[in-house]
Amino acid sequence: MEIIRVLNNNAVLTIDDNGEDIVVLGSGVAFQKKRGDVIDSSKIERIFYQDDHDIIGKLKQSFLEIPVEFIEMSKEIIADAKLELGKEFNDNLYISLPDHLQFTVRRYHEGLLIQNKLVLETKRMYKKEFAFSRKKLKVINERFNVELPEDEAATIVMHLINAELNSNMHETMQMIEMVQKILSIIKSEMAIEFDEDSLDYYRLVTHLKFFYQRLFGSEAEESRSKDRHLLGLVKDRYKKSFKCAKKVKKYIEKFSDTSISDDDLLYLTIHIERVKTG
């Protein structure tokens, strides 16, 4: 492949076999290179194709405008997150994360850092991701000679979750807020303290996250219980948990302006019972 345009030392624009623009990413892939030079395939780390018609244009603009050190830092975070967290991320993370890092460092020097109000909630819901992001925050602080607070680790987690779920920052914050409110309702109604390291707590939080995705995501669908007999059994056997689930149902329907199916009520009751007795 020949270089069509050098975007920075680590990114070039070229074309694929179909004549479509693609962006090639790799450390030093464009160092001392110019238009017409052949790309060293051994330095290619990532290729962005035209599957998303907006992605190539956004990448070109991003790599031309954002200083390379923020792009490199972001690339490192994404690569390590894939390995350590076992996640796959939407390509837009290669745009949103360096843009965010550049903006945050600039705000730091201007004394205009914005507080992330969901630090504690993010830390509770995404323990593994938060621990990873906190490690990366130390690297960011050292590399850019700043002292960004723990809030920034939470924001990095949100960017990772956005890219994993193909959502946006508003949706991720909305999900965290909804899940934390539901957990507060359960904690209050059931008069319990959660063991946040327990498997049952992990299952409950995971269920609520996926429930949010179904409720608001593209996969949202109308669902009605196919087994009302089972719901009746659960209602009779787990009276307190069912009553709590009904309160959660009321909150969700008010929060989302949508109805909750008997299937969702059934599974929510079971998860509440498990975390109560776990």
C-alpha atoms as a PDB file:
ATOM      1  CA  MET A   1       0.000   0.000   0.000  1.00  0.00           C
ATOM      2  CA  GLU A   2       1.169   3.494  -0.858  1.00  0.00           C
ATOM      3  CA  ILE A   3       0.762   6.546   1.336  1.00  0.00           C
ATOM      4  CA  ILE A   4      -1.855   8.970   0.040  1.00  0.00           C
ATOM      5  CA  ARG A   5      -1.502  11.389   2.924  1.00  0.00           C
ATOM      6  CA  VAL A   6       0.559  11.502   6.108  1.00  0.00           C
ATOM      7  CA  LEU A   7      -1.737  12.359   9.031  1.00  0.00           C
ATOM      8  CA  ASN A   8       1.001  12.216  11.657  1.00  0.00           C
ATOM      9  CA  ASN A   9       4.048  10.053  12.372  1.00  0.00           C
ATOM     10  CA  ASN A  10       1.780   7.195  13.395  1.00  0.00           C
ATOM     11  CA  ALA A  11      -1.126   7.434  10.973  1.00  0.00           C
ATOM     12  CA  VAL A  12      -1.521   7.588   7.199  1.00  0.00           C
ATOM     13  CA  LEU A  13      -4.319   7.678   4.678  1.00  0.00           C
ATOM     14  CA  THR A  14      -4.203   5.100   1.899  1.00  0.00           C
ATOM     15  CA  ILE A  15      -6.654   3.093  -0.245  1.00  0.00           C
ATOM     16  CA  ASP A  16      -7.676  -0.560  -0.176  1.00  0.00           C
ATOM     17  CA  ASP A  17      -8.062  -2.961  -3.119  1.00  0.00           C
ATOM     18  CA  ASN A  18     -11.523  -1.540  -3.830  1.00  0.00           C
ATOM     19  CA  GLY A  19     -10.237   2.016  -4.083  1.00  0.00           C
ATOM     20  CA  GLU A  20     -11.818   3.004  -0.761  1.00  0.00           C
ATOM     21  CA  ASP A  21     -10.028   5.313   1.669  1.00  0.00           C
ATOM     22  CA  ILE A  22      -8.598   3.580   4.730  1.00  0.00           C
ATOM     23  CA  VAL A  23      -6.572   4.853   7.668  1.00  0.00           C
ATOM     24  CA  VAL A  24      -3.535   2.852   8.799  1.00  0.00           C
ATOM     25  CA  LEU A  25      -2.306   3.239  12.366  1.00  0.00           C
ATOM     26  CA  GLY A  26       1.071   2.133  13.724  1.00  0.00           C
ATOM     27  CA  SER A  27       3.964   3.496  15.779  1.00  0.00           C
ATOM     28  CA  GLY A  28       6.326   5.274  13.374  1.00  0.00           C
ATOM     29  CA  VAL A  29       4.451   4.045  10.313  1.00  0.00           C
ATOM     30  CA  ALA A  30       4.800   7.501   8.709  1.00  0.00           C
ATOM     31  CA  PHE A  31       8.048   8.629  10.295  1.00  0.00           C
ATOM     32  CA  GLN A  32      10.112  10.439   7.622  1.00  0.00           C
ATOM     33  CA  LYS A  33       7.621   9.253   4.993  1.00  0.00           C
ATOM     34  CA  LYS A  34       5.818  11.173   2.287  1.00  0.00           C
ATOM     35  CA  ARG A  35       3.075  10.710  -0.282  1.00  0.00           C
ATOM     36  CA  GLY A  36       3.809   7.803  -2.622  1.00  0.00           C
ATOM     37  CA  ASP A  37       6.062   5.921  -0.194  1.00  0.00           C
ATOM     38  CA  VAL A  38       5.236   2.288   0.473  1.00  0.00           C
ATOM     39  CA  ILE A  39       3.816   1.498   3.925  1.00  0.00           C
ATOM     40  CA  ASP A  40       5.972  -0.846   5.994  1.00  0.00           C
ATOM     41  CA  SER A  41       3.518  -3.674   6.764  1.00  0.00           C
ATOM     42  CA  SER A  42       5.510  -4.700   9.838  1.00  0.00           C
ATOM     43  CA  LYS A  43       4.573  -1.393  11.505  1.00  0.00           C
ATOM     44  CA  ILE A  44       0.820  -1.679  10.897  1.00  0.00           C
ATOM     45  CA  GLU A  45      -1.096  -2.045  14.158  1.00  0.00           C
ATOM     46  CA  ARG A  46      -4.635  -1.155  13.107  1.00  0.00           C
ATOM     47  CA  ILE A  47      -6.521  -0.518   9.859  1.00  0.00           C
ATOM     48  CA  PHE A  48      -9.765   1.456   9.752  1.00  0.00           C
ATOM     49  CA  TYR A  49     -12.070   0.666   6.850  1.00  0.00           C
ATOM     50  CA  GLN A  50     -15.050   2.496   5.379  1.00  0.00           C
ATOM     51  CA  ASP A  51     -17.628   0.282   7.118  1.00  0.00           C
ATOM     52  CA  ASP A  52     -18.783   3.378   8.944  1.00  0.00           C
ATOM     53  CA  HIS A  53     -18.855   6.161   6.351  1.00  0.00           C
ATOM     54  CA  ASP A  54     -18.135   8.805   9.001  1.00  0.00           C
ATOM     55  CA  ILE A  55     -15.201   7.085  10.689  1.00  0.00           C
ATOM     56  CA  ILE A  56     -12.516   7.763   8.042  1.00  0.00           C
ATOM     57  CA  GLY A  57     -13.328  11.472   7.825  1.00  0.00           C
ATOM     58  CA  LYS A  58     -13.405  11.802  11.604  1.00  0.00           C
ATOM     59  CA  LEU A  59     -10.122   9.921  11.987  1.00  0.00           C
ATOM     60  CA  LYS A  60      -8.400  12.103   9.383  1.00  0.00           C
ATOM     61  CA  GLN A  61      -9.557  15.247  11.156  1.00  0.00           C
ATOM     62  CA  SER A  62      -8.675  13.865  14.582  1.00  0.00           C
ATOM     63  CA  PHE A  63      -5.168  12.710  13.663  1.00  0.00           C
ATOM     64  CA  LEU A  64      -4.432  16.011  11.938  1.00  0.00           C
ATOM     65  CA  GLU A  65      -5.687  18.221  14.770  1.00  0.00           C
ATOM     66  CA  ILE A  66      -4.866  16.345  17.996  1.00  0.00           C
ATOM     67  CA  PRO A  67      -1.216  16.261  19.152  1.00  0.00           C
ATOM     68  CA  VAL A  68       0.332  12.873  18.567  1.00  0.00           C
ATOM     69  CA  GLU A  69       1.156  12.304  22.256  1.00  0.00           C
ATOM     70  CA  PHE A  70      -2.564  12.137  23.103  1.00  0.00           C
ATOM     71  CA  ILE A  71      -3.221   9.752  20.233  1.00  0.00           C
ATOM     72  CA  GLU A  72      -0.342   7.529  21.379  1.00  0.00           C
ATOM     73  CA  MET A  73      -1.561   7.555  24.971  1.00  0.00           C
ATOM     74  CA  SER A  74      -5.071   6.650  23.841  1.00  0.00           C
ATOM     75  CA  LYS A  75      -3.788   3.896  21.573  1.00  0.00           C
ATOM     76  CA  GLU A  76      -1.864   2.444  24.506  1.00  0.00           C
ATOM     77  CA  ILE A  77      -4.920   2.568  26.785  1.00  0.00           C
ATOM     78  CA  ILE A  78      -7.141   0.880  24.200  1.00  0.00           C
ATOM     79  CA  ALA A  79      -4.626  -1.866  23.403  1.00  0.00           C
ATOM     80  CA  ASP A  80      -4.035  -2.627  27.094  1.00  0.00           C
ATOM     81  CA  ALA A  81      -7.771  -2.525  27.854  1.00  0.00           C
ATOM     82  CA  LYS A  82      -8.412  -5.140  25.175  1.00  0.00           C
ATOM     83  CA  LEU A  83      -5.785  -7.413  26.717  1.00  0.00           C
ATOM     84  CA  GLU A  84      -6.455  -6.851  30.415  1.00  0.00           C
ATOM     85  CA  LEU A  85     -10.243  -6.489  30.305  1.00  0.00           C
ATOM     86  CA  GLY A  86     -10.893  -8.856  27.406  1.00  0.00           C
ATOM     87  CA  LYS A  87     -13.122  -6.288  25.692  1.00  0.00           C
ATOM     88  CA  GLU A  88     -13.689  -5.135  22.130  1.00  0.00           C
ATOM     89  CA  PHE A  89     -14.384  -1.475  21.450  1.00  0.00           C
ATOM     90  CA  ASN A  90     -16.074   0.605  18.789  1.00  0.00           C
ATOM     91  CA  ASP A  91     -13.619   2.389  16.484  1.00  0.00           C
ATOM     92  CA  ASN A  92     -14.979   5.747  17.627  1.00  0.00           C
ATOM     93  CA  LEU A  93     -12.955   5.289  20.826  1.00  0.00           C
ATOM     94  CA  TYR A  94      -9.835   6.137  18.778  1.00  0.00           C
ATOM     95  CA  ILE A  95     -11.438   9.553  18.226  1.00  0.00           C
ATOM     96  CA  SER A  96     -13.252  10.278  21.485  1.00  0.00           C
ATOM     97  CA  LEU A  97     -10.501   9.224  23.907  1.00  0.00           C
ATOM     98  CA  PRO A  98      -7.592  11.321  22.532  1.00  0.00           C
ATOM     99  CA  ASP A  99      -9.953  14.256  22.112  1.00  0.00           C
ATOM    100  CA  HIS A 100     -11.014  13.898  25.736  1.00  0.00           C
ATOM    101  CA  LEU A 101      -7.437  13.561  27.023  1.00  0.00           C
ATOM    102  CA  GLN A 102      -6.304  16.655  25.147  1.00  0.00           C
ATOM    103  CA  PHE A 103      -9.274  18.642  26.425  1.00  0.00           C
ATOM    104  CA  THR A 104      -8.810  17.456  30.027  1.00  0.00           C
ATOM    105  CA  VAL A 105      -5.094  18.297  30.140  1.00  0.00           C
ATOM    106  CA  ARG A 106      -5.866  21.727  28.695  1.00  0.00           C
ATOM    107  CA  ARG A 107      -8.572  22.301  31.317  1.00  0.00           C
ATOM    108  CA  TYR A 108      -6.130  21.234  34.031  1.00  0.00           C
ATOM    109  CA  HIS A 109      -3.636  23.908  32.997  1.00  0.00           C
ATOM    110  CA  GLU A 110      -6.440  26.467  32.827  1.00  0.00           C
ATOM    111  CA  GLY A 111      -7.676  25.503  36.305  1.00  0.00           C
ATOM    112  CA  LEU A 112     -11.056  24.496  34.897  1.00  0.00           C
ATOM    113  CA  LEU A 113     -11.350  20.787  35.713  1.00  0.00           C
ATOM    114  CA  ILE A 114     -14.934  19.511  35.766  1.00  0.00           C
ATOM    115  CA  GLN A 115     -15.933  17.173  38.593  1.00  0.00           C
ATOM    116  CA  ASN A 116     -17.312  13.751  37.664  1.00  0.00           C
ATOM    117  CA  LYS A 117     -20.291  13.280  39.980  1.00  0.00           C
ATOM    118  CA  LEU A 118     -20.496   9.528  39.329  1.00  0.00           C
ATOM    119  CA  VAL A 119     -17.063   8.490  40.606  1.00  0.00           C
ATOM    120  CA  LEU A 120     -18.341   6.338  43.478  1.00  0.00           C
ATOM    121  CA  GLU A 121     -21.078   4.753  41.361  1.00  0.00           C
ATOM    122  CA  THR A 122     -18.643   3.998  38.544  1.00  0.00           C
ATOM    123  CA  LYS A 123     -16.139   2.530  40.997  1.00  0.00           C
ATOM    124  CA  ARG A 124     -18.821   0.204  42.410  1.00  0.00           C
ATOM    125  CA  MET A 125     -20.328  -0.909  39.113  1.00  0.00           C
ATOM    126  CA  TYR A 126     -17.113  -1.305  37.118  1.00  0.00           C
ATOM    127  CA  LYS A 127     -14.503  -2.405  39.642  1.00  0.00           C
ATOM    128  CA  LYS A 128     -12.175  -4.094  37.161  1.00  0.00           C
ATOM    129  CA  GLU A 129     -12.423  -1.280  34.618  1.00  0.00           C
ATOM    130  CA  PHE A 130     -11.907   1.331  37.346  1.00  0.00           C
ATOM    131  CA  ALA A 131      -8.777  -0.397  38.679  1.00  0.00           C
ATOM    132  CA  PHE A 132      -7.418  -0.521  35.127  1.00  0.00           C
ATOM    133  CA  SER A 133      -8.218   3.152  34.481  1.00  0.00           C
ATOM    134  CA  ARG A 134      -6.640   4.225  37.755  1.00  0.00           C
ATOM    135  CA  LYS A 135      -3.381   2.553  36.679  1.00  0.00           C
ATOM    136  CA  LYS A 136      -3.557   4.381  33.367  1.00  0.00           C
ATOM    137  CA  LEU A 137      -4.314   7.652  35.146  1.00  0.00           C
ATOM    138  CA  LYS A 138      -0.938   7.390  36.898  1.00  0.00           C
ATOM    139  CA  VAL A 139       0.737   7.019  33.495  1.00  0.00           C
ATOM    140  CA  ILE A 140      -1.192  10.006  32.127  1.00  0.00           C
ATOM    141  CA  ASN A 141      -0.206  12.169  35.098  1.00  0.00           C
ATOM    142  CA  GLU A 142       3.461  11.259  34.720  1.00  0.00           C
ATOM    143  CA  ARG A 143       3.570  11.571  30.948  1.00  0.00           C
ATOM    144  CA  PHE A 144       1.821  14.939  30.763  1.00  0.00           C
ATOM    145  CA  ASN A 145       3.177  16.303  34.042  1.00  0.00           C
ATOM    146  CA  VAL A 146      -0.269  16.863  35.544  1.00  0.00           C
ATOM    147  CA  GLU A 147      -2.118  15.773  38.677  1.00  0.00           C
ATOM    148  CA  LEU A 148      -5.548  14.738  37.423  1.00  0.00           C
ATOM    149  CA  PRO A 149      -7.853  13.510  40.216  1.00  0.00           C
ATOM    150  CA  GLU A 150      -9.559  10.134  40.517  1.00  0.00           C
ATOM    151  CA  ASP A 151     -12.543  11.629  38.697  1.00  0.00           C
ATOM    152  CA  GLU A 152     -10.566  11.187  35.497  1.00  0.00           C
ATOM    153  CA  ALA A 153     -10.261   7.413  36.029  1.00  0.00           C
ATOM    154  CA  ALA A 154     -14.058   7.246  36.223  1.00  0.00           C
ATOM    155  CA  THR A 155     -14.379   9.260  33.019  1.00  0.00           C
ATOM    156  CA  ILE A 156     -11.966   6.923  31.209  1.00  0.00           C
ATOM    157  CA  VAL A 157     -14.133   4.008  32.368  1.00  0.00           C
ATOM    158  CA  MET A 158     -17.170   5.734  30.860  1.00  0.00           C
ATOM    159  CA  HIS A 159     -15.395   6.141  27.535  1.00  0.00           C
ATOM    160  CA  LEU A 160     -14.523   2.433  27.542  1.00  0.00           C
ATOM    161  CA  ILE A 161     -18.099   1.463  28.401  1.00  0.00           C
ATOM    162  CA  ASN A 162     -19.467   3.776  25.689  1.00  0.00           C
ATOM    163  CA  ALA A 163     -17.251   2.104  23.105  1.00  0.00           C
ATOM    164  CA  GLU A 164     -18.090  -1.362  24.364  1.00  0.00           C
ATOM    165  CA  LEU A 165     -21.858  -0.792  24.291  1.00  0.00           C
ATOM    166  CA  ASN A 166     -21.910   1.481  21.213  1.00  0.00           C
ATOM    167  CA  SER A 167     -23.594   4.154  23.309  1.00  0.00           C
ATOM    168  CA  ASN A 168     -22.772   7.763  24.133  1.00  0.00           C
ATOM    169  CA  MET A 169     -21.647   9.470  27.337  1.00  0.00           C
ATOM    170  CA  HIS A 170     -25.156  10.643  28.246  1.00  0.00           C
ATOM    171  CA  GLU A 171     -26.552   7.115  27.932  1.00  0.00           C
ATOM    172  CA  THR A 172     -23.729   5.645  30.010  1.00  0.00           C
ATOM    173  CA  MET A 173     -24.244   8.214  32.780  1.00  0.00           C
ATOM    174  CA  GLN A 174     -27.989   7.600  32.626  1.00  0.00           C
ATOM    175  CA  MET A 175     -27.433   3.848  32.980  1.00  0.00           C
ATOM    176  CA  ILE A 176     -25.136   4.273  35.995  1.00  0.00           C
ATOM    177  CA  GLU A 177     -27.630   6.604  37.659  1.00  0.00           C
ATOM    178  CA  MET A 178     -30.555   4.228  37.040  1.00  0.00           C
ATOM    179  CA  VAL A 179     -28.707   1.154  38.301  1.00  0.00           C
ATOM    180  CA  GLN A 180     -27.523   2.967  41.433  1.00  0.00           C
ATOM    181  CA  LYS A 181     -31.062   4.173  42.178  1.00  0.00           C
ATOM    182  CA  ILE A 182     -32.399   0.629  41.828  1.00  0.00           C
ATOM    183  CA  LEU A 183     -29.682  -0.680  44.149  1.00  0.00           C
ATOM    184  CA  SER A 184     -30.627   2.019  46.682  1.00  0.00           C
ATOM    185  CA  ILE A 185     -34.292   0.970  46.504  1.00  0.00           C
ATOM    186  CA  ILE A 186     -33.380  -2.693  47.050  1.00  0.00           C
ATOM    187  CA  LYS A 187     -31.018  -1.855  49.893  1.00  0.00           C
ATOM    188  CA  SER A 188     -33.674   0.263  51.622  1.00  0.00           C
ATOM    189  CA  GLU A 189     -36.671  -2.016  51.048  1.00  0.00           C
ATOM    190  CA  MET A 190     -34.852  -5.215  51.962  1.00  0.00           C
ATOM    191  CA  ALA A 191     -32.946  -3.591  54.864  1.00  0.00           C
ATOM    192  CA  ILE A 192     -29.674  -5.170  53.759  1.00  0.00           C
ATOM    193  CA  GLU A 193     -26.066  -4.188  53.154  1.00  0.00           C
ATOM    194  CA  PHE A 194     -24.627  -5.442  49.884  1.00  0.00           C
ATOM    195  CA  ASP A 195     -21.534  -7.582  49.811  1.00  0.00           C
ATOM    196  CA  GLU A 196     -20.111  -5.923  46.715  1.00  0.00           C
ATOM    197  CA  ASP A 197     -17.563  -8.707  46.299  1.00  0.00           C
ATOM    198  CA  SER A 198     -20.174 -11.461  46.249  1.00  0.00           C
ATOM    199  CA  LEU A 199     -21.204 -13.349  43.135  1.00  0.00           C
ATOM    200  CA  ASP A 200     -24.894 -12.652  43.769  1.00  0.00           C
ATOM    201  CA  TYR A 201     -24.252  -8.888  43.883  1.00  0.00           C
ATOM    202  CA  TYR A 202     -22.249  -9.151  40.658  1.00  0.00           C
ATOM    203  CA  ARG A 203     -25.119 -11.072  39.021  1.00  0.00           C
ATOM    204  CA  LEU A 204     -27.670  -8.475  40.142  1.00  0.00           C
ATOM    205  CA  VAL A 205     -25.651  -5.523  38.818  1.00  0.00           C
ATOM    206  CA  THR A 206     -24.930  -7.360  35.547  1.00  0.00           C
ATOM    207  CA  HIS A 207     -28.643  -8.138  35.146  1.00  0.00           C
ATOM    208  CA  LEU A 208     -29.527  -4.468  35.688  1.00  0.00           C
ATOM    209  CA  LYS A 209     -26.941  -3.308  33.136  1.00  0.00           C
ATOM    210  CA  PHE A 210     -28.242  -5.681  30.476  1.00  0.00           C
ATOM    211  CA  PHE A 211     -31.788  -4.763  31.420  1.00  0.00           C
ATOM    212  CA  TYR A 212     -30.980  -1.097  30.760  1.00  0.00           C
ATOM    213  CA  GLN A 213     -29.486  -2.006  27.383  1.00  0.00           C
ATOM    214  CA  ARG A 214     -32.627  -3.903  26.411  1.00  0.00           C
ATOM    215  CA  LEU A 215     -34.836  -1.117  27.684  1.00  0.00           C
ATOM    216  CA  PHE A 216     -33.122   1.718  25.827  1.00  0.00           C
ATOM    217  CA  GLY A 217     -30.949   0.015  23.213  1.00  0.00           C
ATOM    218  CA  SER A 218     -31.636  -0.971  19.628  1.00  0.00           C
ATOM    219  CA  GLU A 219     -32.475  -4.483  20.818  1.00  0.00           C
ATOM    220  CA  ALA A 220     -35.370  -3.207  22.956  1.00  0.00           C
ATOM    221  CA  GLU A 221     -38.465  -5.242  22.310  1.00  0.00           C
ATOM    222  CA  GLU A 222     -41.964  -5.822  23.623  1.00  0.00           C
ATOM    223  CA  SER A 223     -41.849  -8.729  26.048  1.00  0.00           C
ATOM    224  CA  ARG A 224     -44.689 -10.450  27.892  1.00  0.00           C
ATOM    225  CA  SER A 225     -44.430 -13.379  30.270  1.00  0.00           C
ATOM    226  CA  LYS A 226     -45.057 -16.747  28.715  1.00  0.00           C
ATOM    227  CA  ASP A 227     -45.383 -18.379  32.152  1.00  0.00           C
ATOM    228  CA  ARG A 228     -47.639 -16.516  34.558  1.00  0.00           C
ATOM    229  CA  HIS A 229     -47.826 -19.646  36.698  1.00  0.00           C
ATOM    230  CA  LEU A 230     -44.116 -19.343  37.474  1.00  0.00           C
ATOM    231  CA  LEU A 231     -44.536 -15.659  38.299  1.00  0.00           C
ATOM    232  CA  GLY A 232     -47.331 -16.590  40.714  1.00  0.00           C
ATOM    233  CA  LEU A 233     -45.120 -19.166  42.430  1.00  0.00           C
ATOM    234  CA  VAL A 234     -42.269 -16.685  42.805  1.00  0.00           C
ATOM    235  CA  LYS A 235     -44.674 -14.026  44.092  1.00  0.00           C
ATOM    236  CA  ASP A 236     -45.997 -16.380  46.782  1.00  0.00           C
ATOM    237  CA  ARG A 237     -42.631 -17.836  47.761  1.00  0.00           C
ATOM    238  CA  TYR A 238     -40.609 -14.605  47.803  1.00  0.00           C
ATOM    239  CA  LYS A 239     -43.207 -12.117  49.044  1.00  0.00           C
ATOM    240  CA  LYS A 240     -40.788  -9.473  50.326  1.00  0.00           C
ATOM    241  CA  SER A 241     -38.518  -9.651  47.276  1.00  0.00           C
ATOM    242  CA  PHE A 242     -41.541  -9.465  44.972  1.00  0.00           C
ATOM    243  CA  LYS A 243     -42.836  -6.386  46.801  1.00  0.00           C
ATOM    244  CA  CYS A 244     -39.408  -4.798  46.406  1.00  0.00           C
ATOM    245  CA  ALA A 245     -39.320  -5.711  42.704  1.00  0.00           C
ATOM    246  CA  LYS A 246     -42.703  -3.989  42.258  1.00  0.00           C
ATOM    247  CA  LYS A 247     -41.245  -0.785  43.719  1.00  0.00           C
ATOM    248  CA  VAL A 248     -38.268  -1.052  41.357  1.00  0.00           C
ATOM    249  CA  LYS A 249     -40.713  -1.626  38.494  1.00  0.00           C
ATOM    250  CA  LYS A 250     -42.607   1.540  39.426  1.00  0.00           C
ATOM    251  CA  TYR A 251     -39.386   3.553  39.494  1.00  0.00           C
ATOM    252  CA  ILE A 252     -38.166   2.210  36.139  1.00  0.00           C
ATOM    253  CA  GLU A 253     -41.500   2.883  34.445  1.00  0.00           C
ATOM    254  CA  LYS A 254     -41.420   6.450  35.723  1.00  0.00           C
ATOM    255  CA  PHE A 255     -37.747   6.840  34.788  1.00  0.00           C
ATOM    256  CA  SER A 256     -38.100   5.378  31.295  1.00  0.00           C
ATOM    257  CA  ASP A 257     -41.731   6.135  30.446  1.00  0.00           C
ATOM    258  CA  THR A 258     -42.168   2.529  29.361  1.00  0.00           C
ATOM    259  CA  SER A 259     -43.843  -0.575  30.791  1.00  0.00           C
ATOM    260  CA  ILE A 260     -41.949  -3.443  32.420  1.00  0.00           C
ATOM    261  CA  SER A 261     -42.969  -6.971  31.467  1.00  0.00           C
ATOM    262  CA  ASP A 262     -43.860  -9.776  33.860  1.00  0.00           C
ATOM    263  CA  ASP A 263     -40.749 -11.601  32.646  1.00  0.00           C
ATOM    264  CA  ASP A 264     -38.573  -8.708  33.852  1.00  0.00           C
ATOM    265  CA  LEU A 265     -40.460  -8.589  37.141  1.00  0.00           C
ATOM    266  CA  LEU A 266     -39.936 -12.321  37.577  1.00  0.00           C
ATOM    267  CA  TYR A 267     -36.177 -12.246  37.000  1.00  0.00           C
ATOM    268  CA  LEU A 268     -35.731  -9.110  39.077  1.00  0.00           C
ATOM    269  CA  THR A 269     -37.521 -10.768  42.009  1.00  0.00           C
ATOM    270  CA  ILE A 270     -35.251 -13.806  41.755  1.00  0.00           C
ATOM    271  CA  HIS A 271     -32.097 -11.662  41.689  1.00  0.00           C
ATOM    272  CA  ILE A 272     -33.284  -9.648  44.698  1.00  0.00           C
ATOM    273  CA  GLU A 273     -33.996 -12.837  46.618  1.00  0.00           C
ATOM    274  CA  ARG A 274     -30.566 -14.215  45.792  1.00  0.00           C
ATOM    275  CA  VAL A 275     -28.724 -11.090  46.887  1.00  0.00           C
ATOM    276  CA  LYS A 276     -30.842 -11.008  50.071  1.00  0.00           C
ATOM    277  CA  THR A 277     -29.971 -14.568  51.043  1.00  0.00           C
ATOM    278  CA  GLY A 278     -26.451 -14.643  49.574  1.00  0.00           C
END
